[in-house]
Amino acid sequence: MLDALDADAVRRWSRVALESMRAHQAEIDAINVFPVPDADTGTNLLLTLLVADDAVRAGATASAGAVLADLSRAAVLGARGNSGVIVSQVLRGFAEAAEGTETIDAKTFCRGLRRGAELADAAVAQPVDGTILTVAHAAAAGVADARGR
C-alpha cells in the first residue's frame, strides 16, 4: 500500500481514471437526467479527462503537486459541458492542496478533496442535491471520517 502519491503515481491515477471513464461512458450517458436529459455527461467527462491525461503524459514534471497542477490546468482549459467543469474544479482543489509538494499524503488528499468539492459547488449557479456535487461532498466527508477527523 502506498503511504503517499508521487508524480508517477498521480500519472498512473490519471490514466486509470481515464480508462474507467471510458469503460463507463455509455452507462453514465444513459442515466444522465439533470438538469436536462442530454445524454452527454459521460462523453463530456471522458473528453475532459482525456485532455487532462494527455497533458500529464506529455510532461516530465517531477513532483506530485506539479503533476496535479498540470492535470488541473488542462482539465480547466479542456472542460466539456457542466460535468467537465465540475471535474476540473475537483482536480483544481487537489492541485491547490498539493501545491509545492513532492508527494501527496493522506492529509493533503483530504484537503484536496474537500477543496475540490467547494470549488465545484462554486462553479455551478444553483448546486442541487443528488448530483455529482453531492458525491464529491460525500467522498470528502467519508475520507475525513476514515481519518478520524
N, C-alpha and C. Protein backbone atom coordinates (compact mmCIF):
# COMPACT_ATOMS: atom_id res chain seq x y z
N MET A 1 0.84 -1.17 0.00
CA MET A 1 0.00 0.00 0.00
C MET A 1 0.89 1.23 0.00
N LEU A 2 0.49 2.24 -0.76
CA LEU A 2 1.23 3.49 -0.81
C LEU A 2 0.91 4.35 0.41
N ASP A 3 1.92 4.99 0.97
CA ASP A 3 1.69 5.95 2.04
C ASP A 3 1.49 7.35 1.48
N ALA A 4 2.00 7.57 0.27
CA ALA A 4 1.89 8.86 -0.37
C ALA A 4 1.97 8.66 -1.88
N LEU A 5 1.41 9.61 -2.61
CA LEU A 5 1.45 9.56 -4.06
C LEU A 5 2.58 10.45 -4.57
N ASP A 6 3.46 9.86 -5.37
CA ASP A 6 4.49 10.66 -6.01
C ASP A 6 4.01 11.03 -7.41
N ALA A 7 4.85 11.68 -8.19
CA ALA A 7 4.45 12.15 -9.52
C ALA A 7 4.01 10.99 -10.41
N ASP A 8 4.75 9.88 -10.39
CA ASP A 8 4.39 8.74 -11.23
C ASP A 8 3.05 8.13 -10.80
N ALA A 9 2.78 8.09 -9.51
CA ALA A 9 1.50 7.55 -9.02
C ALA A 9 0.35 8.44 -9.46
N VAL A 10 0.55 9.75 -9.47
CA VAL A 10 -0.51 10.67 -9.93
C VAL A 10 -0.75 10.45 -11.42
N ARG A 11 0.30 10.26 -12.19
CA ARG A 11 0.14 9.97 -13.62
C ARG A 11 -0.62 8.66 -13.83
N ARG A 12 -0.28 7.63 -13.06
CA ARG A 12 -0.99 6.35 -13.16
C ARG A 12 -2.46 6.51 -12.78
N TRP A 13 -2.71 7.29 -11.72
CA TRP A 13 -4.09 7.53 -11.29
C TRP A 13 -4.87 8.21 -12.41
N SER A 14 -4.26 9.17 -13.07
CA SER A 14 -4.92 9.87 -14.18
C SER A 14 -5.29 8.88 -15.28
N ARG A 15 -4.37 7.99 -15.62
CA ARG A 15 -4.62 7.01 -16.68
C ARG A 15 -5.74 6.05 -16.28
N VAL A 16 -5.73 5.59 -15.03
CA VAL A 16 -6.77 4.67 -14.56
C VAL A 16 -8.13 5.37 -14.54
N ALA A 17 -8.17 6.63 -14.11
CA ALA A 17 -9.43 7.39 -14.12
C ALA A 17 -9.97 7.52 -15.54
N LEU A 18 -9.09 7.81 -16.47
CA LEU A 18 -9.49 7.93 -17.88
C LEU A 18 -10.03 6.60 -18.40
N GLU A 19 -9.33 5.51 -18.14
CA GLU A 19 -9.76 4.20 -18.62
C GLU A 19 -11.07 3.76 -17.98
N SER A 20 -11.26 4.08 -16.70
CA SER A 20 -12.51 3.77 -16.03
C SER A 20 -13.66 4.58 -16.63
N MET A 21 -13.40 5.84 -16.90
CA MET A 21 -14.43 6.68 -17.52
C MET A 21 -14.78 6.15 -18.90
N ARG A 22 -13.77 5.74 -19.64
CA ARG A 22 -14.00 5.17 -20.98
C ARG A 22 -14.90 3.93 -20.87
N ALA A 23 -14.65 3.09 -19.88
CA ALA A 23 -15.43 1.87 -19.70
C ALA A 23 -16.88 2.14 -19.31
N HIS A 24 -17.13 3.27 -18.64
CA HIS A 24 -18.47 3.56 -18.12
C HIS A 24 -19.16 4.73 -18.82
N GLN A 25 -18.56 5.24 -19.88
CA GLN A 25 -19.12 6.40 -20.58
C GLN A 25 -20.57 6.20 -20.99
N ALA A 26 -20.87 5.14 -21.71
CA ALA A 26 -22.23 4.91 -22.20
C ALA A 26 -23.23 4.76 -21.06
N GLU A 27 -22.81 4.08 -20.02
CA GLU A 27 -23.66 3.88 -18.85
C GLU A 27 -24.02 5.23 -18.20
N ILE A 28 -23.03 6.10 -18.08
CA ILE A 28 -23.27 7.42 -17.47
C ILE A 28 -24.10 8.29 -18.41
N ASP A 29 -23.82 8.22 -19.70
CA ASP A 29 -24.65 8.95 -20.67
C ASP A 29 -26.11 8.53 -20.55
N ALA A 30 -26.36 7.24 -20.34
CA ALA A 30 -27.73 6.71 -20.30
C ALA A 30 -28.50 7.15 -19.06
N ILE A 31 -27.81 7.39 -17.94
CA ILE A 31 -28.53 7.76 -16.72
C ILE A 31 -28.59 9.27 -16.50
N ASN A 32 -27.94 10.03 -17.32
CA ASN A 32 -27.90 11.47 -17.15
C ASN A 32 -29.29 12.08 -17.37
N VAL A 33 -29.86 12.65 -16.31
CA VAL A 33 -31.18 13.27 -16.42
C VAL A 33 -31.25 14.66 -15.81
N PHE A 34 -30.14 15.20 -15.30
CA PHE A 34 -30.19 16.50 -14.66
C PHE A 34 -29.13 17.41 -15.23
N PRO A 35 -29.40 18.64 -15.51
CA PRO A 35 -30.70 19.31 -15.42
C PRO A 35 -31.63 18.99 -16.58
N VAL A 36 -31.07 18.51 -17.68
CA VAL A 36 -31.89 18.05 -18.81
C VAL A 36 -31.31 16.72 -19.28
N PRO A 37 -32.13 15.84 -19.81
CA PRO A 37 -31.62 14.54 -20.26
C PRO A 37 -30.90 14.64 -21.60
N ASP A 38 -29.73 15.26 -21.60
CA ASP A 38 -29.00 15.46 -22.85
C ASP A 38 -28.07 14.31 -23.19
N ALA A 39 -27.95 13.33 -22.30
CA ALA A 39 -27.23 12.08 -22.55
C ALA A 39 -25.77 12.29 -22.96
N ASP A 40 -25.12 13.30 -22.39
CA ASP A 40 -23.72 13.52 -22.76
C ASP A 40 -22.78 13.68 -21.58
N THR A 41 -23.24 13.41 -20.37
CA THR A 41 -22.39 13.59 -19.20
C THR A 41 -21.16 12.68 -19.27
N GLY A 42 -21.35 11.41 -19.58
CA GLY A 42 -20.21 10.50 -19.70
C GLY A 42 -19.25 10.93 -20.79
N THR A 43 -19.79 11.36 -21.91
CA THR A 43 -18.95 11.83 -23.02
C THR A 43 -18.16 13.06 -22.61
N ASN A 44 -18.81 14.01 -21.97
CA ASN A 44 -18.11 15.23 -21.54
C ASN A 44 -17.04 14.94 -20.50
N LEU A 45 -17.32 14.04 -19.57
CA LEU A 45 -16.31 13.66 -18.58
C LEU A 45 -15.12 12.99 -19.26
N LEU A 46 -15.41 12.08 -20.18
CA LEU A 46 -14.34 11.39 -20.89
C LEU A 46 -13.46 12.37 -21.66
N LEU A 47 -14.07 13.28 -22.40
CA LEU A 47 -13.29 14.24 -23.19
C LEU A 47 -12.46 15.16 -22.30
N THR A 48 -13.00 15.56 -21.17
CA THR A 48 -12.26 16.41 -20.22
C THR A 48 -11.07 15.64 -19.65
N LEU A 49 -11.29 14.41 -19.20
CA LEU A 49 -10.21 13.61 -18.64
C LEU A 49 -9.16 13.24 -19.68
N LEU A 50 -9.57 13.08 -20.92
CA LEU A 50 -8.63 12.78 -21.99
C LEU A 50 -7.64 13.92 -22.21
N VAL A 51 -8.15 15.13 -22.25
CA VAL A 51 -7.29 16.31 -22.41
C VAL A 51 -6.33 16.42 -21.22
N ALA A 52 -6.85 16.22 -20.03
CA ALA A 52 -6.02 16.33 -18.82
C ALA A 52 -4.94 15.25 -18.81
N ASP A 53 -5.32 14.02 -19.11
CA ASP A 53 -4.35 12.93 -19.11
C ASP A 53 -3.28 13.14 -20.17
N ASP A 54 -3.67 13.60 -21.34
CA ASP A 54 -2.69 13.88 -22.39
C ASP A 54 -1.65 14.88 -21.91
N ALA A 55 -2.07 15.87 -21.14
CA ALA A 55 -1.15 16.90 -20.65
C ALA A 55 -0.11 16.32 -19.70
N VAL A 56 -0.52 15.42 -18.83
CA VAL A 56 0.45 14.88 -17.86
C VAL A 56 1.30 13.76 -18.46
N ARG A 57 0.78 13.08 -19.46
CA ARG A 57 1.58 12.05 -20.12
C ARG A 57 2.69 12.68 -20.94
N ALA A 58 2.43 13.85 -21.48
CA ALA A 58 3.42 14.53 -22.32
C ALA A 58 4.48 15.25 -21.48
N GLY A 59 4.14 15.56 -20.24
CA GLY A 59 5.04 16.34 -19.40
C GLY A 59 6.07 15.49 -18.68
N ALA A 60 7.08 16.17 -18.17
CA ALA A 60 8.14 15.50 -17.42
C ALA A 60 8.24 16.08 -16.02
N THR A 61 7.13 16.56 -15.51
CA THR A 61 7.09 17.18 -14.20
C THR A 61 7.50 16.16 -13.13
N ALA A 62 8.31 16.61 -12.18
CA ALA A 62 8.91 15.69 -11.22
C ALA A 62 8.17 15.55 -9.90
N SER A 63 7.35 16.49 -9.51
CA SER A 63 6.67 16.41 -8.21
C SER A 63 5.18 16.12 -8.39
N ALA A 64 4.59 15.50 -7.39
CA ALA A 64 3.16 15.18 -7.43
C ALA A 64 2.33 16.46 -7.51
N GLY A 65 2.71 17.48 -6.76
CA GLY A 65 1.98 18.74 -6.79
C GLY A 65 1.99 19.37 -8.18
N ALA A 66 3.14 19.30 -8.84
CA ALA A 66 3.25 19.89 -10.18
C ALA A 66 2.45 19.08 -11.21
N VAL A 67 2.44 17.76 -11.07
CA VAL A 67 1.64 16.94 -11.98
C VAL A 67 0.16 17.27 -11.80
N LEU A 68 -0.29 17.40 -10.57
CA LEU A 68 -1.69 17.77 -10.33
C LEU A 68 -2.00 19.16 -10.87
N ALA A 69 -1.06 20.08 -10.78
CA ALA A 69 -1.26 21.42 -11.35
C ALA A 69 -1.43 21.32 -12.86
N ASP A 70 -0.59 20.52 -13.52
CA ASP A 70 -0.71 20.33 -14.97
C ASP A 70 -2.04 19.67 -15.32
N LEU A 71 -2.41 18.65 -14.57
CA LEU A 71 -3.67 17.94 -14.79
C LEU A 71 -4.85 18.89 -14.65
N SER A 72 -4.84 19.67 -13.59
CA SER A 72 -5.91 20.62 -13.32
C SER A 72 -6.02 21.69 -14.41
N ARG A 73 -4.89 22.26 -14.76
CA ARG A 73 -4.86 23.33 -15.79
C ARG A 73 -5.44 22.82 -17.10
N ALA A 74 -5.01 21.64 -17.53
CA ALA A 74 -5.51 21.07 -18.78
C ALA A 74 -7.00 20.77 -18.70
N ALA A 75 -7.45 20.26 -17.55
CA ALA A 75 -8.88 19.96 -17.38
C ALA A 75 -9.72 21.22 -17.45
N VAL A 76 -9.25 22.30 -16.83
CA VAL A 76 -9.99 23.57 -16.87
C VAL A 76 -10.07 24.08 -18.31
N LEU A 77 -8.95 24.04 -19.01
CA LEU A 77 -8.92 24.55 -20.38
C LEU A 77 -9.69 23.66 -21.35
N GLY A 78 -9.74 22.36 -21.07
CA GLY A 78 -10.41 21.43 -21.97
C GLY A 78 -11.76 20.93 -21.49
N ALA A 79 -12.30 21.56 -20.46
CA ALA A 79 -13.56 21.10 -19.88
C ALA A 79 -14.68 21.13 -20.90
N ARG A 80 -15.47 20.05 -20.92
CA ARG A 80 -16.63 19.94 -21.80
C ARG A 80 -17.88 19.87 -20.94
N GLY A 81 -18.82 20.74 -21.20
CA GLY A 81 -20.09 20.72 -20.51
C GLY A 81 -19.96 20.98 -19.01
N ASN A 82 -21.10 20.99 -18.34
CA ASN A 82 -21.11 21.22 -16.90
C ASN A 82 -20.31 20.17 -16.15
N SER A 83 -20.43 18.92 -16.56
CA SER A 83 -19.72 17.86 -15.84
C SER A 83 -18.21 18.01 -15.99
N GLY A 84 -17.75 18.45 -17.15
CA GLY A 84 -16.32 18.69 -17.33
C GLY A 84 -15.82 19.82 -16.46
N VAL A 85 -16.62 20.87 -16.36
CA VAL A 85 -16.24 21.99 -15.49
C VAL A 85 -16.18 21.52 -14.04
N ILE A 86 -17.15 20.74 -13.63
CA ILE A 86 -17.18 20.26 -12.25
C ILE A 86 -15.95 19.41 -11.95
N VAL A 87 -15.64 18.43 -12.80
CA VAL A 87 -14.48 17.58 -12.54
C VAL A 87 -13.19 18.40 -12.60
N SER A 88 -13.14 19.42 -13.45
CA SER A 88 -11.94 20.27 -13.49
C SER A 88 -11.75 21.01 -12.18
N GLN A 89 -12.83 21.38 -11.54
CA GLN A 89 -12.73 22.08 -10.27
C GLN A 89 -12.34 21.15 -9.12
N VAL A 90 -12.78 19.91 -9.19
CA VAL A 90 -12.33 18.93 -8.20
C VAL A 90 -10.82 18.73 -8.34
N LEU A 91 -10.35 18.60 -9.57
CA LEU A 91 -8.91 18.47 -9.80
C LEU A 91 -8.17 19.73 -9.35
N ARG A 92 -8.77 20.88 -9.56
CA ARG A 92 -8.16 22.13 -9.11
C ARG A 92 -7.99 22.14 -7.59
N GLY A 93 -8.98 21.60 -6.87
CA GLY A 93 -8.88 21.52 -5.41
C GLY A 93 -7.71 20.66 -4.99
N PHE A 94 -7.53 19.53 -5.67
CA PHE A 94 -6.37 18.67 -5.37
C PHE A 94 -5.07 19.41 -5.66
N ALA A 95 -5.03 20.12 -6.78
CA ALA A 95 -3.81 20.84 -7.16
C ALA A 95 -3.49 21.94 -6.14
N GLU A 96 -4.51 22.66 -5.69
CA GLU A 96 -4.28 23.71 -4.70
C GLU A 96 -3.73 23.12 -3.40
N ALA A 97 -4.31 22.02 -2.96
CA ALA A 97 -3.87 21.39 -1.71
C ALA A 97 -2.45 20.85 -1.82
N ALA A 98 -2.06 20.41 -3.01
CA ALA A 98 -0.75 19.79 -3.20
C ALA A 98 0.31 20.75 -3.73
N GLU A 99 -0.03 22.01 -3.85
CA GLU A 99 0.92 22.98 -4.42
C GLU A 99 2.25 22.95 -3.66
N GLY A 100 3.33 22.77 -4.43
CA GLY A 100 4.67 22.79 -3.86
C GLY A 100 5.09 21.51 -3.17
N THR A 101 4.29 20.45 -3.25
CA THR A 101 4.65 19.21 -2.55
C THR A 101 5.25 18.19 -3.51
N GLU A 102 6.19 17.42 -2.99
CA GLU A 102 6.80 16.34 -3.77
C GLU A 102 5.88 15.14 -3.83
N THR A 103 5.21 14.85 -2.71
CA THR A 103 4.29 13.72 -2.63
C THR A 103 3.00 14.19 -1.96
N ILE A 104 1.96 13.39 -2.15
CA ILE A 104 0.66 13.71 -1.58
C ILE A 104 0.34 12.66 -0.52
N ASP A 105 0.28 13.12 0.73
CA ASP A 105 -0.05 12.20 1.82
C ASP A 105 -1.56 12.25 2.08
N ALA A 106 -2.02 11.48 3.03
CA ALA A 106 -3.45 11.38 3.32
C ALA A 106 -4.04 12.73 3.72
N LYS A 107 -3.32 13.50 4.50
CA LYS A 107 -3.81 14.80 4.93
C LYS A 107 -4.00 15.74 3.74
N THR A 108 -3.05 15.74 2.84
CA THR A 108 -3.14 16.58 1.64
C THR A 108 -4.28 16.11 0.75
N PHE A 109 -4.42 14.79 0.63
CA PHE A 109 -5.51 14.23 -0.17
C PHE A 109 -6.86 14.68 0.38
N CYS A 110 -7.04 14.60 1.69
CA CYS A 110 -8.30 15.03 2.32
C CYS A 110 -8.58 16.51 2.06
N ARG A 111 -7.55 17.34 2.25
CA ARG A 111 -7.71 18.77 1.98
C ARG A 111 -8.09 19.02 0.52
N GLY A 112 -7.45 18.29 -0.38
CA GLY A 112 -7.72 18.46 -1.80
C GLY A 112 -9.13 18.07 -2.18
N LEU A 113 -9.60 16.98 -1.65
CA LEU A 113 -10.96 16.53 -1.95
C LEU A 113 -11.99 17.51 -1.40
N ARG A 114 -11.76 17.99 -0.19
CA ARG A 114 -12.67 18.96 0.42
C ARG A 114 -12.67 20.27 -0.40
N ARG A 115 -11.49 20.75 -0.75
CA ARG A 115 -11.38 21.99 -1.53
C ARG A 115 -12.00 21.80 -2.92
N GLY A 116 -11.78 20.65 -3.53
CA GLY A 116 -12.37 20.38 -4.83
C GLY A 116 -13.89 20.41 -4.80
N ALA A 117 -14.48 19.86 -3.75
CA ALA A 117 -15.95 19.89 -3.60
C ALA A 117 -16.44 21.33 -3.45
N GLU A 118 -15.71 22.13 -2.70
CA GLU A 118 -16.09 23.55 -2.54
C GLU A 118 -16.01 24.29 -3.87
N LEU A 119 -14.92 24.09 -4.61
CA LEU A 119 -14.75 24.77 -5.90
C LEU A 119 -15.80 24.31 -6.91
N ALA A 120 -16.13 23.03 -6.89
CA ALA A 120 -17.16 22.52 -7.79
C ALA A 120 -18.51 23.15 -7.49
N ASP A 121 -18.85 23.27 -6.21
CA ASP A 121 -20.09 23.96 -5.83
C ASP A 121 -20.11 25.39 -6.36
N ALA A 122 -18.99 26.08 -6.19
CA ALA A 122 -18.90 27.48 -6.61
C ALA A 122 -19.01 27.64 -8.12
N ALA A 123 -18.67 26.59 -8.87
CA ALA A 123 -18.70 26.66 -10.33
C ALA A 123 -20.10 26.49 -10.90
N VAL A 124 -21.04 26.08 -10.06
CA VAL A 124 -22.41 25.81 -10.51
C VAL A 124 -23.33 26.89 -9.96
N ALA A 125 -24.14 27.46 -10.83
CA ALA A 125 -25.02 28.56 -10.42
C ALA A 125 -25.97 28.15 -9.31
N GLN A 126 -26.59 26.99 -9.43
CA GLN A 126 -27.53 26.51 -8.42
C GLN A 126 -27.22 25.05 -8.09
N PRO A 127 -26.31 24.81 -7.15
CA PRO A 127 -25.99 23.42 -6.78
C PRO A 127 -27.24 22.69 -6.30
N VAL A 128 -27.37 21.44 -6.72
CA VAL A 128 -28.55 20.64 -6.38
C VAL A 128 -28.10 19.31 -5.77
N ASP A 129 -28.79 18.91 -4.69
CA ASP A 129 -28.52 17.61 -4.08
C ASP A 129 -28.86 16.50 -5.06
N GLY A 130 -28.10 15.41 -4.95
CA GLY A 130 -28.36 14.26 -5.80
C GLY A 130 -27.55 14.25 -7.08
N THR A 131 -26.60 15.16 -7.20
CA THR A 131 -25.76 15.24 -8.39
C THR A 131 -24.33 14.85 -8.03
N ILE A 132 -23.43 14.98 -8.98
CA ILE A 132 -22.02 14.70 -8.73
C ILE A 132 -21.47 15.60 -7.62
N LEU A 133 -22.07 16.74 -7.42
CA LEU A 133 -21.65 17.63 -6.32
C LEU A 133 -21.88 16.94 -4.97
N THR A 134 -23.00 16.26 -4.84
CA THR A 134 -23.29 15.52 -3.62
C THR A 134 -22.26 14.41 -3.42
N VAL A 135 -21.91 13.74 -4.50
CA VAL A 135 -20.91 12.67 -4.43
C VAL A 135 -19.56 13.23 -3.97
N ALA A 136 -19.17 14.38 -4.51
CA ALA A 136 -17.89 15.00 -4.13
C ALA A 136 -17.87 15.33 -2.64
N HIS A 137 -18.95 15.90 -2.14
CA HIS A 137 -19.01 16.24 -0.71
C HIS A 137 -19.03 14.97 0.16
N ALA A 138 -19.76 13.95 -0.28
CA ALA A 138 -19.82 12.70 0.48
C ALA A 138 -18.44 12.03 0.52
N ALA A 139 -17.73 12.07 -0.60
CA ALA A 139 -16.39 11.49 -0.64
C ALA A 139 -15.45 12.24 0.31
N ALA A 140 -15.52 13.56 0.30
CA ALA A 140 -14.67 14.36 1.20
C ALA A 140 -15.01 14.05 2.66
N ALA A 141 -16.29 13.94 2.98
CA ALA A 141 -16.69 13.62 4.35
C ALA A 141 -16.27 12.20 4.72
N GLY A 142 -16.39 11.28 3.79
CA GLY A 142 -16.01 9.89 4.05
C GLY A 142 -14.52 9.74 4.31
N VAL A 143 -13.72 10.45 3.55
CA VAL A 143 -12.27 10.40 3.75
C VAL A 143 -11.91 11.02 5.10
N ALA A 144 -12.55 12.12 5.42
CA ALA A 144 -12.29 12.76 6.72
C ALA A 144 -12.70 11.84 7.87
N ASP A 145 -13.84 11.18 7.75
CA ASP A 145 -14.30 10.24 8.78
C ASP A 145 -13.34 9.08 8.92
N ALA A 146 -12.85 8.57 7.81
CA ALA A 146 -11.92 7.44 7.84
C ALA A 146 -10.61 7.81 8.54
N ARG A 147 -10.26 9.08 8.47
CA ARG A 147 -9.03 9.55 9.11
C ARG A 147 -9.29 10.00 10.53
N GLY A 148 -10.56 9.94 10.98
CA GLY A 148 -10.87 10.32 12.36
C GLY A 148 -10.95 11.83 12.56
N ARG A 149 -11.37 12.53 11.51
CA ARG A 149 -11.50 13.98 11.61
C ARG A 149 -12.92 14.41 11.56
